[in-house]
Protein backbone atom coordinates (compact mmCIF):
# COMPACT_ATOMS: atom_id res chain seq x y z
CA UNK A 1 20.94 28.42 0.47
CA UNK A 2 20.49 24.92 1.04
CA UNK A 3 17.31 24.10 3.77
CA UNK A 4 17.94 20.16 3.61
CA UNK A 5 16.64 18.45 6.67
CA UNK A 6 18.52 15.51 8.36
CA UNK A 7 15.93 13.24 7.49
CA UNK A 8 16.38 14.43 3.64
CA UNK A 9 20.74 14.11 4.17
CA UNK A 10 19.68 10.15 5.71
CA UNK A 11 17.32 9.23 2.65
CA UNK A 12 19.96 10.66 0.25
CA UNK A 13 23.04 8.41 1.89
CA UNK A 14 23.61 4.81 0.05
CA UNK A 15 21.91 2.06 2.43
CA UNK A 16 23.90 -0.72 3.96
CA UNK A 17 22.76 -4.47 2.58
CA UNK A 18 22.78 -6.13 6.01
CA UNK A 19 21.98 -2.49 7.69
CA UNK A 20 19.45 -0.75 6.60
CA UNK A 21 17.46 -3.43 4.50
CA UNK A 22 17.59 -7.28 2.87
CA UNK A 23 15.83 -9.25 0.23
CA UNK A 24 12.98 -11.23 1.07
CA UNK A 25 14.37 -14.73 -0.12
CA UNK A 26 10.71 -16.06 -0.85
CA UNK A 27 9.93 -12.51 -2.51
CA UNK A 28 12.50 -10.84 -3.75
CA UNK A 29 11.72 -7.61 -2.52
CA UNK A 30 13.64 -5.02 -0.58
CA UNK A 31 12.83 -5.15 3.54
CA UNK A 32 14.08 -2.07 5.66
CA UNK A 33 15.18 -2.81 9.09
CA UNK A 34 13.54 -1.22 12.00
CA UNK A 35 17.71 0.36 11.78
CA UNK A 36 16.63 2.33 8.66
CA UNK A 37 12.92 2.97 9.53
CA UNK A 38 14.25 4.29 12.82
CA UNK A 39 16.93 6.69 11.39
CA UNK A 40 14.09 8.24 8.92
CA UNK A 41 12.43 9.00 11.41
CA UNK A 42 8.69 8.92 10.77
CA UNK A 43 5.99 6.42 9.63
CA UNK A 44 5.41 6.41 6.11
CA UNK A 45 2.13 4.09 6.74
CA UNK A 46 3.16 1.42 3.75
CA UNK A 47 2.22 -0.81 6.46
CA UNK A 48 6.59 -1.81 6.97
CA UNK A 49 7.49 -5.30 8.22
CA UNK A 50 9.56 -3.42 10.75
CA UNK A 51 7.96 -0.67 11.34
CA UNK A 52 9.28 0.52 15.06
CA UNK A 53 6.05 3.20 15.22
CA UNK A 54 3.52 0.29 15.56
CA UNK A 55 0.14 0.45 13.77
CA UNK A 56 0.12 4.17 12.20
CA UNK A 57 -1.27 5.26 9.10
CA UNK A 58 0.99 8.08 8.63
CA UNK A 59 1.24 10.01 5.51
CA UNK A 60 4.99 11.26 6.06
CA UNK A 61 7.20 13.82 8.23
CA UNK A 62 5.56 14.98 10.81
CA UNK A 63 2.14 13.51 10.32
C-alpha cells in the first residue's frame, strides 16, 4: 500500500521549463520559480531566489 503524499507526487512529476524553473544565463544554474516552490509546499531553507515563504530557514516539510 502506497502512502505517497501530494507533495511527493508533485516532486516526482516532470519539471516544465519556463513554468517550474529557468536557467540563469549568467551562472548556468537551474533556478526554481515561485510557482514551483509554492506547489512544493514548504521552505527548504536553501535561500531560493524566488522563495514565496519569506526569510525562513526551515529544514523541510512540516517545519
